Amino acid sequence: MDHDHAKELALLLGSESQVLTQPQVVQRLSRDFYWYSPILRRELDGKAGDFVVQPRTATEIQNVLRYCHAHEIPVTTRGAGTGNYGQAVPLRRGAVLDLSGMEKIECIEPGGVAVCEPGVRLGVLENEARKVGWELRCYPSTIVKATVGGFLGGGSGGIGSVAHGGLRDFKTVRAFEVITMETEPRVVRHEGEAVHEILHAWGTNGIITRIWLALTPAVDWSQCVVAFDSFDVAFDFSERIAVDADWVKRLVSTFEWPIPSFFTPVKQYMRQGKALVFFMIASEQLAKLEDAARQAGGEISYSGAYSGLRNIPLLSDYTWNHTTLWAMRTDEAYTYLQCGFDPRTVREQMRKLKTRFGNEFLFHMEFMKRGDGQVIPGAIPVVYYTSDERLNDMIDFCREIGVFVANPHVNNVEGGGRYRADDIQLLAKRRYDSKGLLNPGKMITFEQEPAAAKSEIVA
């Protein structure tokens, strides 16, 4: 029966090559990087769709969704599959909607807004933007592979967030068009505050097909690695640079030893037993940064111009969630958390965590600007997994001492910490996907609603 649907969809699209049914291919395109979490690895291993559809236009997506709505076929959207939370893993089989082929950059407007399709690789957009004097405001460490649509659907921030915040901040996402899952799928434009109905909703309440993404003027960057004798001193210095608006920076990442020992391709820049700070700083400020680092007791172990995403070394390859990947390559028992520390009490919070968990909890700090303009010490700590109970103990203790945790070990929008308290994502799902066919099982507030209540709301 599923292959019958695949054949019908191929006829509908006029191309057999756009509907894939080979089991190995379907399995591969039903996965993302959920295996960063030992819990999600256990829960999601082996889950897959029945077939993959690869549309090339918004009209083709409308045709696919119209068919799937009529036949009540679940649809799970994917970009490049670089997410870490199982966003792209179908829980109830059905169709995988692969948008990676929709990769057109329509234009970069004179005011610095890129208009593009969801399958555009972030690295491609960065390179094209820099040709005309612009660059991305923020991007994940997976920039070379990740797509713009995938980033909007499942990401939040990354390199550049120390200066420009995340995707939700400072009107970085100006607008996008979304296709609904209805009897007659509609193209709905969201702009301004309305974009928050769809951002970071994992494709559960609409399919993003066209994006207006704000850029920032390009900067001539340099990279710098500074080693310090202790993590405390490294953190103090990195915080000083991160919060001072006079420094033009794109990256400030601070690592407790032994995390730097995991970065084997750049081991020549590591210093045994020492904490490290990675910077991407405006080239005109590099010498000043080096002087400040030395005065603070740091050793400059690497300093050089940044020539783009093919730069060797490329320090961003070891930051944000790539840090976790390097740790897992060293010992597969390592995993991670996503934390936000209170800038007023961060040192006391870190002391309490170290006292309680020791080297089970390794500090990896990533500074980021909030929507109110304050730069805070975020973190993607590398934690050692021994049991679900111990991992949950870490999460509970963080929250007990005032450390915010976005839990990366749950497979739903709400549990991951980016769900809107005003329920606008849920309200959008009620409007655009009343049957619950888009990525079902991933928005649990919708799943838990009584059927009668849903029908009353939709009516």
Protein backbone atom coordinates (compact mmCIF):
# COMPACT_ATOMS: atom_id res chain seq x y z
CA MET A 1 0.00 0.00 0.00
CA ASP A 2 2.83 2.41 0.85
CA HIS A 3 4.48 1.68 -2.47
CA ASP A 4 1.15 2.41 -4.14
CA HIS A 5 1.24 5.86 -2.56
CA ALA A 6 4.82 6.31 -3.74
CA LYS A 7 3.81 5.44 -7.30
CA GLU A 8 0.86 7.83 -7.18
CA LEU A 9 3.06 10.64 -5.91
CA ALA A 10 5.63 9.96 -8.63
CA LEU A 11 2.86 10.27 -11.23
CA LEU A 12 1.64 13.44 -9.52
CA LEU A 13 5.13 14.99 -9.71
CA GLY A 14 5.76 13.63 -13.18
CA SER A 15 9.08 12.10 -12.12
CA GLU A 16 9.90 8.71 -10.63
CA SER A 17 13.31 10.05 -9.59
CA GLN A 18 11.69 12.41 -7.07
CA VAL A 19 10.15 9.61 -5.02
CA LEU A 20 12.62 7.22 -3.40
CA THR A 21 11.69 3.82 -2.01
CA GLN A 22 15.00 1.94 -1.71
CA PRO A 23 15.11 0.85 1.97
CA GLN A 24 18.73 1.90 2.55
CA VAL A 25 18.14 5.34 1.04
CA VAL A 26 14.90 5.85 2.96
CA GLN A 27 16.63 4.79 6.19
CA ARG A 28 19.51 7.22 5.61
CA LEU A 29 17.17 10.12 4.87
CA SER A 30 15.08 9.32 7.95
CA ARG A 31 17.96 10.07 10.31
CA ASP A 32 19.69 13.07 11.80
CA PHE A 33 22.33 13.42 14.52
CA TYR A 34 19.99 12.30 17.33
CA TRP A 35 22.67 9.78 18.34
CA TYR A 36 24.51 12.57 20.19
CA SER A 37 22.05 11.58 22.94
CA PRO A 38 22.26 8.06 24.39
CA ILE A 39 18.58 8.32 25.28
CA LEU A 40 17.44 9.37 21.80
CA ARG A 41 19.73 6.75 20.27
CA ARG A 42 17.83 4.10 22.20
CA GLU A 43 14.42 5.58 21.37
CA LEU A 44 14.90 6.42 17.69
CA ASP A 45 17.26 3.83 16.25
CA GLY A 46 15.53 1.93 13.45
CA LYS A 47 12.68 4.38 12.90
CA ALA A 48 12.15 5.44 9.29
CA GLY A 49 9.62 6.66 6.79
CA ASP A 50 8.04 4.52 4.09
CA PHE A 51 9.37 6.61 1.19
CA VAL A 52 11.09 9.93 0.48
CA VAL A 53 9.69 12.72 -1.68
CA GLN A 54 12.07 15.35 -3.09
CA PRO A 55 10.05 18.32 -4.37
CA ARG A 56 11.68 21.10 -6.37
CA THR A 57 9.04 23.84 -6.10
CA ALA A 58 6.45 25.17 -3.69
CA THR A 59 3.72 24.05 -6.09
CA GLU A 60 5.04 20.49 -5.95
CA ILE A 61 4.96 20.64 -2.15
CA GLN A 62 1.34 21.75 -2.27
CA ASN A 63 0.52 18.80 -4.54
CA VAL A 64 2.29 16.36 -2.21
CA LEU A 65 0.61 17.73 0.92
CA ARG A 66 -2.81 17.71 -0.76
CA TYR A 67 -2.37 14.01 -1.57
CA CYS A 68 -1.00 13.13 1.88
CA HIS A 69 -3.81 15.02 3.62
CA ALA A 70 -6.44 13.17 1.60
CA HIS A 71 -4.84 9.80 2.40
CA GLU A 72 -3.82 10.72 5.98
CA ILE A 73 -0.15 10.03 5.35
CA PRO A 74 2.24 11.51 7.95
CA VAL A 75 4.86 13.90 6.53
CA THR A 76 8.21 14.58 8.20
CA THR A 77 10.31 17.39 6.72
CA ARG A 78 14.12 17.37 6.55
CA GLY A 79 16.86 19.64 5.30
CA ALA A 80 20.39 18.24 5.54
CA GLY A 81 19.68 16.19 8.67
CA THR A 82 22.28 17.94 10.84
CA GLY A 83 19.92 18.46 13.80
CA ASN A 84 20.62 16.71 17.08
CA TYR A 85 17.19 16.08 18.55
CA GLY A 86 15.53 13.64 16.16
CA GLN A 87 13.56 16.42 14.47
CA ALA A 88 13.85 14.68 11.11
CA VAL A 89 13.14 11.14 12.34
CA PRO A 90 9.61 9.95 11.44
CA LEU A 91 7.88 8.45 14.47
CA ARG A 92 4.90 7.15 12.49
CA ARG A 93 6.44 6.26 9.16
CA GLY A 94 4.80 7.90 6.13
CA ALA A 95 6.56 10.33 3.79
CA VAL A 96 9.89 12.05 4.37
CA LEU A 97 9.80 15.43 2.61
CA ASP A 98 13.39 16.18 1.63
CA LEU A 99 13.77 19.88 0.78
CA SER A 100 17.52 19.86 0.17
CA GLY A 101 16.96 20.23 -3.59
CA MET A 102 15.23 23.59 -3.18
CA GLU A 103 18.51 25.50 -3.09
CA LYS A 104 17.97 28.72 -5.01
CA ILE A 105 19.22 32.05 -3.65
CA GLU A 106 16.80 34.48 -5.28
CA CYS A 107 18.67 37.63 -4.33
CA ILE A 108 20.50 39.51 -1.64
CA GLU A 109 18.65 42.77 -1.27
CA PRO A 110 20.63 46.04 -1.07
CA GLY A 111 19.67 46.43 2.59
CA GLY A 112 21.24 43.10 3.50
CA VAL A 113 18.36 40.60 3.42
CA ALA A 114 18.82 37.26 1.67
CA VAL A 115 15.78 35.83 -0.10
CA CYS A 116 16.18 32.11 -0.64
CA GLU A 117 14.66 28.66 -0.68
CA PRO A 118 14.91 26.36 2.37
CA GLY A 119 17.44 23.94 0.89
CA VAL A 120 20.19 26.55 0.48
CA ARG A 121 23.30 25.51 2.41
CA LEU A 122 24.27 28.06 5.02
CA GLY A 123 27.89 27.90 3.86
CA VAL A 124 26.86 28.71 0.30
CA LEU A 125 24.78 31.65 1.52
CA GLU A 126 27.67 32.92 3.65
CA ASN A 127 30.04 32.81 0.67
CA GLU A 128 27.60 34.51 -1.67
CA ALA A 129 26.73 37.17 0.88
CA ARG A 130 30.39 38.05 1.49
CA LYS A 131 30.86 38.66 -2.24
CA VAL A 132 28.55 41.66 -1.94
CA GLY A 133 29.66 42.90 1.48
CA TRP A 134 27.40 40.94 3.84
CA GLU A 135 27.62 37.83 6.02
CA LEU A 136 25.38 35.66 8.19
CA ARG A 137 24.47 37.05 11.58
CA CYS A 138 24.73 33.62 13.19
CA TYR A 139 25.21 30.04 12.08
CA PRO A 140 25.71 26.56 13.56
CA SER A 141 29.04 24.74 13.58
CA THR A 142 27.53 22.54 10.83
CA ILE A 143 27.42 25.54 8.46
CA VAL A 144 28.98 23.67 5.52
CA LYS A 145 26.19 21.06 5.41
CA ALA A 146 23.23 22.63 7.22
CA THR A 147 20.40 24.26 5.28
CA VAL A 148 18.72 27.59 5.95
CA GLY A 149 15.31 25.96 6.33
CA GLY A 150 16.63 23.30 8.68
CA PHE A 151 18.30 25.97 10.80
CA LEU A 152 15.07 27.94 11.08
CA GLY A 153 13.02 24.84 11.78
CA GLY A 154 15.27 23.24 14.38
CA GLY A 155 18.14 25.56 15.29
CA SER A 156 18.46 28.63 17.48
CA GLY A 157 21.93 30.23 17.42
CA GLY A 158 25.63 29.65 16.99
CA ILE A 159 28.75 31.42 15.77
CA GLY A 160 27.88 35.12 15.66
CA SER A 161 25.32 34.95 18.48
CA VAL A 162 27.74 36.71 20.83
CA ALA A 163 27.19 39.83 18.71
CA HIS A 164 23.81 39.34 17.03
CA GLY A 165 21.82 36.98 19.24
CA GLY A 166 19.98 33.95 17.94
CA LEU A 167 17.40 33.42 15.23
CA ARG A 168 14.64 34.73 17.46
CA ASP A 169 16.38 38.00 18.22
CA PHE A 170 16.71 41.42 16.54
CA LYS A 171 14.44 40.55 13.58
CA THR A 172 17.04 38.26 12.04
CA VAL A 173 14.26 36.23 10.41
CA ARG A 174 12.30 38.91 8.59
CA ALA A 175 9.70 36.70 6.93
CA PHE A 176 8.99 33.36 5.32
CA GLU A 177 6.28 31.58 3.39
CA VAL A 178 4.76 28.42 4.82
CA ILE A 179 2.61 25.78 3.18
CA THR A 180 -0.20 24.36 5.29
CA MET A 181 -1.37 20.75 5.65
CA GLU A 182 -5.02 21.10 4.71
CA THR A 183 -7.51 19.78 2.17
CA GLU A 184 -6.29 22.59 -0.07
CA PRO A 185 -2.77 23.54 1.13
CA ARG A 186 -2.22 27.30 1.26
CA VAL A 187 0.90 29.45 1.04
CA VAL A 188 0.84 31.72 4.11
CA ARG A 189 3.32 34.56 4.57
CA HIS A 190 4.61 35.16 8.08
CA GLU A 191 6.51 38.33 8.86
CA GLY A 192 7.48 40.35 11.91
CA GLU A 193 6.36 38.74 15.16
CA ALA A 194 4.34 36.15 13.24
CA VAL A 195 7.54 34.27 12.28
CA HIS A 196 7.71 32.99 15.87
CA GLU A 197 4.67 30.81 15.21
CA ILE A 198 6.84 28.59 13.00
CA LEU A 199 10.46 29.10 14.13
CA HIS A 200 11.96 26.09 15.91
CA ALA A 201 8.76 24.08 15.56
CA TRP A 202 10.47 21.17 13.76
CA GLY A 203 8.13 21.30 10.77
CA THR A 204 5.19 20.30 12.95
CA ASN A 205 2.96 23.19 11.93
CA GLY A 206 3.89 24.15 8.37
CA ILE A 207 6.48 23.67 5.62
CA ILE A 208 8.82 26.65 5.14
CA THR A 209 9.36 27.25 1.41
CA ARG A 210 10.71 30.81 1.04
CA ILE A 211 12.81 32.81 3.50
CA TRP A 212 13.83 36.44 4.07
CA LEU A 213 16.90 36.33 6.33
CA ALA A 214 18.63 39.48 7.60
CA LEU A 215 22.41 39.63 7.23
CA THR A 216 25.06 41.91 8.75
CA PRO A 217 27.91 43.86 7.12
CA ALA A 218 30.90 41.59 6.46
CA VAL A 219 33.97 41.95 8.67
CA ASP A 220 37.61 41.10 7.99
CA TRP A 221 38.05 38.42 10.68
CA SER A 222 41.02 36.77 12.36
CA GLN A 223 41.19 33.71 14.61
CA CYS A 224 43.04 33.41 17.87
CA VAL A 225 43.63 30.62 20.42
CA VAL A 226 44.68 31.59 23.95
CA ALA A 227 45.78 29.08 26.61
CA PHE A 228 45.41 29.77 30.34
CA ASP A 229 46.68 27.88 33.37
CA SER A 230 43.20 27.55 34.84
CA PHE A 231 39.64 27.53 33.58
CA ASP A 232 38.67 30.27 36.05
CA VAL A 233 41.20 32.70 34.57
CA ALA A 234 40.23 31.69 31.02
CA PHE A 235 36.58 32.27 31.79
CA ASP A 236 37.24 35.66 33.36
CA PHE A 237 39.14 36.83 30.28
CA SER A 238 36.65 35.45 27.77
CA GLU A 239 33.75 37.02 29.64
CA ARG A 240 35.54 40.37 29.65
CA ILE A 241 35.90 40.31 25.86
CA ALA A 242 32.40 38.92 25.26
CA VAL A 243 30.48 41.54 27.23
CA ASP A 244 32.49 44.58 26.12
CA ALA A 245 30.76 46.13 23.10
CA ASP A 246 34.01 47.76 21.96
CA TRP A 247 35.31 44.36 20.82
CA VAL A 248 34.07 43.27 17.37
CA LYS A 249 33.76 39.51 17.71
CA ARG A 250 32.01 36.59 16.10
CA LEU A 251 33.10 33.77 18.40
CA VAL A 252 34.14 33.50 22.06
CA SER A 253 34.36 29.84 23.18
CA THR A 254 35.96 28.72 26.45
CA PHE A 255 36.96 25.11 27.18
CA GLU A 256 37.92 23.36 30.38
CA TRP A 257 40.72 20.80 30.15
CA PRO A 258 40.58 17.97 29.02
CA ILE A 259 38.14 19.13 26.31
CA PRO A 260 40.99 20.69 24.24
CA SER A 261 42.71 17.29 24.18
CA PHE A 262 39.77 15.98 22.12
CA PHE A 263 40.58 18.32 19.20
CA THR A 264 43.18 16.04 17.60
CA PRO A 265 43.42 17.80 14.18
CA VAL A 266 44.59 21.00 15.90
CA LYS A 267 46.56 19.42 18.74
CA GLN A 268 49.57 21.61 17.93
CA TYR A 269 47.62 24.59 19.30
CA MET A 270 46.65 22.85 22.54
CA ARG A 271 48.68 23.12 25.75
CA GLN A 272 48.74 20.13 28.08
CA GLY A 273 46.48 20.65 31.08
CA LYS A 274 45.47 24.19 30.12
CA ALA A 275 42.08 25.76 29.44
CA LEU A 276 41.60 27.34 26.03
CA VAL A 277 39.64 30.24 24.58
CA PHE A 278 38.86 30.39 20.85
CA PHE A 279 38.19 33.82 19.36
CA MET A 280 37.04 35.11 16.03
CA ILE A 281 37.87 38.80 16.26
CA ALA A 282 38.01 41.74 13.85
CA SER A 283 41.47 41.69 12.25
CA GLU A 284 42.05 45.32 13.15
CA GLN A 285 41.68 44.35 16.85
CA LEU A 286 43.81 41.19 16.78
CA ALA A 287 47.02 42.75 18.08
CA LYS A 288 45.10 44.49 20.86
CA LEU A 289 43.45 41.18 21.83
CA GLU A 290 46.81 39.41 21.93
CA ASP A 291 48.25 42.10 24.21
CA ALA A 292 45.22 41.93 26.51
CA ALA A 293 45.46 38.12 26.67
CA ARG A 294 49.14 38.20 27.61
CA GLN A 295 48.49 40.79 30.31
CA ALA A 296 45.82 38.45 31.71
CA GLY A 297 48.34 35.59 31.90
CA GLY A 298 47.42 33.88 28.63
CA GLU A 299 49.66 32.32 25.99
CA ILE A 300 48.84 32.88 22.32
CA SER A 301 49.06 29.39 20.82
CA TYR A 302 47.58 30.34 17.44
CA SER A 303 46.81 33.61 15.68
CA GLY A 304 46.01 34.14 12.03
CA ALA A 305 43.75 35.63 9.39
CA TYR A 306 40.39 34.01 8.62
CA SER A 307 40.04 33.37 4.90
CA GLY A 308 36.63 31.72 4.86
CA LEU A 309 35.08 28.33 5.46
CA ARG A 310 38.03 26.48 3.88
CA ASN A 311 40.39 28.12 6.37
CA ILE A 312 42.90 25.77 8.05
CA PRO A 313 42.48 25.63 10.98
CA LEU A 314 38.79 26.52 11.09
CA LEU A 315 38.19 27.07 14.80
CA SER A 316 34.40 26.96 14.50
CA ASP A 317 34.76 23.26 13.66
CA TYR A 318 35.49 22.70 17.36
CA THR A 319 32.87 24.96 18.92
CA TRP A 320 29.18 24.88 19.72
CA ASN A 321 27.90 21.33 19.24
CA HIS A 322 30.93 20.21 17.25
CA THR A 323 32.67 20.19 20.64
CA THR A 324 30.38 17.33 21.66
CA LEU A 325 31.19 15.43 18.48
CA TRP A 326 34.95 15.60 19.18
CA ALA A 327 34.34 14.43 22.75
CA MET A 328 32.27 11.46 21.52
CA ARG A 329 35.05 10.48 19.14
CA THR A 330 37.32 10.21 22.17
CA ASP A 331 34.83 8.32 24.35
CA GLU A 332 31.31 7.44 23.18
CA ALA A 333 30.02 7.81 26.76
CA TYR A 334 30.28 11.59 26.45
CA THR A 335 27.15 13.54 25.64
CA TYR A 336 26.00 17.09 26.35
CA LEU A 337 23.54 19.52 27.85
CA GLN A 338 22.44 22.99 26.72
CA CYS A 339 22.59 25.52 29.53
CA GLY A 340 22.19 29.20 30.24
CA PHE A 341 24.00 30.59 33.27
CA ASP A 342 23.09 33.67 35.30
CA PRO A 343 25.80 36.27 34.58
CA ARG A 344 25.49 37.58 38.15
CA THR A 345 26.08 34.22 39.83
CA VAL A 346 27.74 32.13 37.11
CA ARG A 347 30.93 31.48 39.10
CA GLU A 348 29.01 30.20 42.10
CA GLN A 349 26.82 28.08 39.82
CA MET A 350 29.91 26.55 38.18
CA ARG A 351 31.49 25.93 41.58
CA LYS A 352 28.42 24.04 42.78
CA LEU A 353 28.31 21.92 39.62
CA LYS A 354 32.00 21.08 39.91
CA THR A 355 31.63 20.17 43.58
CA ARG A 356 28.73 17.86 42.86
CA PHE A 357 29.79 16.23 39.57
CA GLY A 358 33.54 16.76 39.21
CA ASN A 359 34.85 15.70 35.78
CA GLU A 360 31.51 14.20 34.84
CA PHE A 361 30.57 17.80 33.98
CA LEU A 362 33.13 19.60 31.79
CA PHE A 363 32.62 23.29 31.11
CA HIS A 364 32.33 24.49 27.52
CA MET A 365 31.03 28.06 27.48
CA GLU A 366 29.59 29.88 24.47
CA PHE A 367 28.71 33.54 25.02
CA MET A 368 25.56 34.86 23.36
CA LYS A 369 23.53 38.04 23.26
CA ARG A 370 19.93 37.90 24.41
CA GLY A 371 17.09 39.81 22.83
CA ASP A 372 17.38 42.46 25.57
CA GLY A 373 20.97 43.14 24.54
CA GLN A 374 22.67 41.47 27.50
CA VAL A 375 25.52 39.05 26.70
CA ILE A 376 25.21 35.95 28.87
CA PRO A 377 27.39 32.88 29.45
CA GLY A 378 25.60 30.09 27.66
CA ALA A 379 27.08 26.63 27.72
CA ILE A 380 27.11 23.30 25.96
CA PRO A 381 28.83 21.32 28.71
CA VAL A 382 30.29 17.95 27.85
CA VAL A 383 28.87 15.46 30.34
CA TYR A 384 29.74 11.83 30.97
CA TYR A 385 26.77 9.51 30.62
CA THR A 386 26.49 6.56 32.99
CA SER A 387 22.70 6.24 33.34
CA ASP A 388 19.47 8.07 32.61
CA GLU A 389 19.11 8.68 36.33
CA ARG A 390 22.50 10.37 36.63
CA LEU A 391 21.86 12.51 33.53
CA ASN A 392 18.50 13.61 34.91
CA ASP A 393 20.17 14.35 38.24
CA MET A 394 22.50 16.76 36.41
CA ILE A 395 19.56 18.46 34.71
CA ASP A 396 17.56 18.72 37.93
CA PHE A 397 20.51 20.10 39.88
CA CYS A 398 21.22 22.71 37.20
CA ARG A 399 17.65 23.94 37.41
CA GLU A 400 17.74 23.83 41.20
CA ILE A 401 20.67 26.30 41.28
CA GLY A 402 19.18 28.58 38.63
CA VAL A 403 20.92 27.26 35.50
CA PHE A 404 18.52 27.12 32.57
CA VAL A 405 18.55 23.78 30.71
CA ALA A 406 17.18 23.12 27.25
CA ASN A 407 17.09 19.33 27.41
CA PRO A 408 18.58 17.81 24.22
CA HIS A 409 17.59 14.30 25.29
CA VAL A 410 13.86 14.56 24.58
CA ASN A 411 12.21 14.23 21.20
CA ASN A 412 9.58 16.95 21.30
CA VAL A 413 9.42 20.69 20.70
CA GLU A 414 8.26 21.53 24.21
CA GLY A 415 10.83 19.54 26.14
CA GLY A 416 13.81 20.98 24.29
CA GLY A 417 13.39 24.39 25.89
CA ARG A 418 12.60 26.50 22.81
CA TYR A 419 8.80 26.21 23.03
CA ARG A 420 6.92 29.49 23.33
CA ALA A 421 5.09 29.91 26.62
CA ASP A 422 2.28 31.76 24.81
CA ASP A 423 1.49 28.60 22.78
CA ILE A 424 1.64 30.37 19.41
CA GLN A 425 3.31 27.34 17.83
CA LEU A 426 0.48 25.13 19.08
CA LEU A 427 -2.13 27.59 17.86
CA ALA A 428 -0.50 27.58 14.42
CA LYS A 429 -0.61 23.78 14.34
CA ARG A 430 -4.31 23.83 15.13
CA ARG A 431 -4.87 26.24 12.22
CA TYR A 432 -2.59 24.65 9.65
CA ASP A 433 -2.52 20.93 10.51
CA SER A 434 -5.73 19.98 12.29
CA LYS A 435 -5.25 16.28 11.46
CA GLY A 436 -1.80 16.28 13.08
CA LEU A 437 -0.05 14.83 10.02
CA LEU A 438 3.06 17.05 10.08
CA ASN A 439 5.88 15.34 12.00
CA PRO A 440 3.39 13.65 14.34
CA GLY A 441 4.46 12.91 17.89
CA LYS A 442 6.86 15.87 18.10
CA MET A 443 4.45 18.48 19.53
CA ILE A 444 3.07 16.75 22.58
CA THR A 445 0.74 19.56 23.68
CA PHE A 446 -1.16 18.96 20.44
CA GLU A 447 -1.04 15.18 20.81
CA GLN A 448 -2.48 15.36 24.32
CA GLU A 449 -5.54 17.41 23.39
CA PRO A 450 -8.85 15.53 23.44
CA ALA A 451 -10.15 15.02 19.91
CA ALA A 452 -13.40 16.84 20.75
CA ALA A 453 -11.52 19.89 21.94
CA LYS A 454 -9.50 19.98 18.72
CA SER A 455 -12.60 19.78 16.55
CA GLU A 456 -14.22 22.62 18.51
CA ILE A 457 -11.14 24.80 18.05
CA VAL A 458 -10.83 24.08 14.33
CA ALA A 459 -14.52 24.68 13.74
